[in-house]
Amino acid sequence: MKKIVIDLDGVIRNLGIIFDKLNISTPTTWFWKHKNKDIYDWVAIDYNILLKAKPTKFFPIIKKYCGKNTIEIWSHQPKDWQPYTKQWIKKYIKNKVKIRWFTTDQKYKELKKRKDTILIEDSPNFPSYKQIILIDEPYNQKAKAKIRIRTPKELEKVLKSKCIAKIMEYEMRKDEKTAVGDVR
């Protein structure tokens, strides 16, 4: 069985509250600005928004799949977000949690070292998605992911599937340029 690790924002914590507050729709690009401010600028106005954010629609499935096991989170968080993120985790996750503050590059390097690991992620900035289950968002449409998840039901199907290891192993052998598709 493959080890599952998860990203935080966009996977289990829904930062859509920021877009709602700004009265804008989910951005279609990863790096965006509204009124000349990016997400970090908007959060810095009120860090409590990180605590007010609700879990994503995928969170119950991930919690269910993890059971009572330790949940390993790999998240790229600015240092000033981290105390609020830890509070959010304590509020919503009762399991033991291992947090690793990784940039996207660090996540990718760690995945390459850990061939038995799959990351549930929403970032469009990985050079390869061979060990990544991508949560579909408007900003990651150009990412070439074999497993792209749109609904909690799809995520549950993939996590329950005994063939997830085979899919990932197959993808690891394939040329990166041909690793395109989705699960329905």
Foldseek 3Di string as FASTA:
>chain_A
DFAEAEADDPQWWDLCVLCVVVVHDDDLAPFDDDPNHTPVRSCVVPVCSLQVTHTDQQNVLVCVLCPQHEHEYEYADDPVNVVSNVVNCVVPPPHHYHYHHDDLVRVQVVCVVRVRYAYEEADLPDPARLRYAHADDSRNPPRAALEYDDHNVQVNCLSPDPCVNVSSVVSVPDDRVVSHYYTD
